[in-house]
């Protein structure tokens, strides 16, 4: 079964292909699972997606740390309370996103 981009095209394919009609009549769940397995997921074969995202998040984290150090060095930040909230928010979000990407996925551990 070739990749079908949307439900409307899937409907047309089912109408046009008697073999596909039979597979959906006999076991629609299995037919949908077979179809979903036939669609290539770029996250499974393109390792550069993860590398680019991890590198971008790492650069954000490092630049925020360097920015805060520069603000401390210039005397604009004297206490923890005076760190700009936006730097704290962006840094926390980037660290959380990086941890989420690097943590093992529970879906990959599920039974297939």
Protein backbone atom coordinates (compact mmCIF):
# COMPACT_ATOMS: atom_id res chain seq x y z
CA UNK A 1 0.00 0.00 0.00
CA UNK A 2 1.54 3.32 -1.03
CA UNK A 3 1.49 6.45 1.09
CA UNK A 4 -1.87 8.20 1.05
CA UNK A 5 -1.65 11.82 2.27
CA UNK A 6 -5.14 12.28 3.73
CA UNK A 7 -8.44 10.57 4.52
CA UNK A 8 -10.11 11.70 1.31
CA UNK A 9 -7.39 10.08 -0.79
CA UNK A 10 -7.65 6.95 1.37
CA UNK A 11 -11.38 6.87 0.66
CA UNK A 12 -10.71 7.13 -3.09
CA UNK A 13 -8.12 4.36 -2.86
CA UNK A 14 -10.54 2.08 -1.01
CA UNK A 15 -13.26 2.73 -3.61
CA UNK A 16 -10.86 2.07 -6.50
CA UNK A 17 -9.07 -1.01 -5.08
CA UNK A 18 -11.18 -4.14 -4.40
CA UNK A 19 -8.30 -5.82 -2.55
CA UNK A 20 -8.06 -2.84 -0.20
CA UNK A 21 -11.83 -2.94 0.27
CA UNK A 22 -11.62 -6.59 1.31
CA UNK A 23 -8.83 -5.89 3.79
CA UNK A 24 -10.90 -3.13 5.38
CA UNK A 25 -14.04 -5.30 5.42
CA UNK A 26 -12.26 -8.28 6.99
CA UNK A 27 -10.24 -6.48 9.64
CA UNK A 28 -10.32 -2.65 9.55
CA UNK A 29 -8.00 -2.29 12.56
CA UNK A 30 -5.31 -4.47 10.97
CA UNK A 31 -5.73 -2.66 7.65
CA UNK A 32 -5.19 0.71 9.35
CA UNK A 33 -2.19 -0.64 11.28
CA UNK A 34 -0.68 -1.99 8.07
CA UNK A 35 -1.27 1.36 6.42
CA UNK A 36 0.29 3.31 9.29
CA UNK A 37 3.36 1.03 9.20
CA UNK A 38 3.79 1.72 5.50
CA UNK A 39 4.17 5.48 6.09
CA UNK A 40 7.83 6.33 6.68
CA UNK A 41 8.43 8.47 9.77
CA UNK A 42 11.31 10.93 9.24
CA UNK A 43 12.22 10.72 12.92
CA UNK A 44 13.13 7.06 12.40
CA UNK A 45 15.50 7.51 9.47
CA UNK A 46 16.68 11.14 9.54
CA UNK A 47 19.12 11.46 12.43
CA UNK A 48 19.86 15.10 11.52
CA UNK A 49 16.47 16.21 12.84
CA UNK A 50 17.48 15.28 16.38
CA UNK A 51 20.99 16.64 15.93
CA UNK A 52 19.76 20.03 14.74
CA UNK A 53 17.20 20.35 17.53
CA UNK A 54 19.63 19.23 20.25
CA UNK A 55 22.33 21.55 18.90
CA UNK A 56 19.90 24.49 18.76
CA UNK A 57 18.68 23.90 22.32
CA UNK A 58 22.27 23.51 23.53
CA UNK A 59 23.26 26.80 21.88
CA UNK A 60 20.27 28.53 23.52
CA UNK A 61 21.23 27.19 26.94
CA UNK A 62 24.90 28.13 26.57
CA UNK A 63 24.08 31.61 25.23
CA UNK A 64 21.75 32.29 28.18
CA UNK A 65 24.41 31.16 30.66
CA UNK A 66 27.01 33.37 28.96
CA UNK A 67 24.53 36.28 28.83
CA UNK A 68 23.78 36.02 32.54
CA UNK A 69 27.50 35.82 33.33
CA UNK A 70 28.08 38.93 31.22
CA UNK A 71 25.25 40.77 33.00
CA UNK A 72 26.75 39.79 36.36
CA UNK A 73 30.18 40.91 35.21
CA UNK A 74 28.89 44.27 34.05
CA UNK A 75 27.16 44.85 37.38
CA UNK A 76 23.62 44.93 35.98
CA UNK A 77 22.72 41.82 37.99
CA UNK A 78 23.66 41.80 41.66
CA UNK A 79 21.22 39.26 43.11
CA UNK A 80 19.24 36.27 41.92
CA UNK A 81 16.08 38.38 42.02
CA UNK A 82 17.38 40.74 39.34
CA UNK A 83 17.95 38.08 36.66
CA UNK A 84 15.56 38.93 33.83
CA UNK A 85 12.51 36.66 33.91
CA UNK A 86 12.67 36.03 30.16
CA UNK A 87 16.15 34.51 30.49
CA UNK A 88 14.94 32.21 33.25
CA UNK A 89 11.88 31.18 31.25
CA UNK A 90 13.74 30.51 27.99
CA UNK A 91 16.54 28.67 29.77
CA UNK A 92 14.11 26.49 31.73
CA UNK A 93 12.10 25.69 28.61
CA UNK A 94 15.23 24.81 26.62
CA UNK A 95 16.55 22.54 29.39
CA UNK A 96 13.14 20.84 29.68
CA UNK A 97 12.90 20.34 25.93
CA UNK A 98 16.41 18.94 25.77
CA UNK A 99 15.67 16.53 28.62
CA UNK A 100 12.47 15.46 26.89
CA UNK A 101 14.30 14.75 23.64
CA UNK A 102 17.13 12.82 25.25
CA UNK A 103 14.95 10.74 27.57
CA UNK A 104 13.97 7.31 26.22
CA UNK A 105 10.53 7.27 24.63
CA UNK A 106 7.93 5.09 26.34
CA UNK A 107 6.42 4.38 22.92
CA UNK A 108 9.59 2.61 21.80
CA UNK A 109 9.36 0.35 24.86
CA UNK A 110 5.72 -0.56 24.20
CA UNK A 111 4.83 -3.99 22.91
CA UNK A 112 4.52 -4.17 19.16
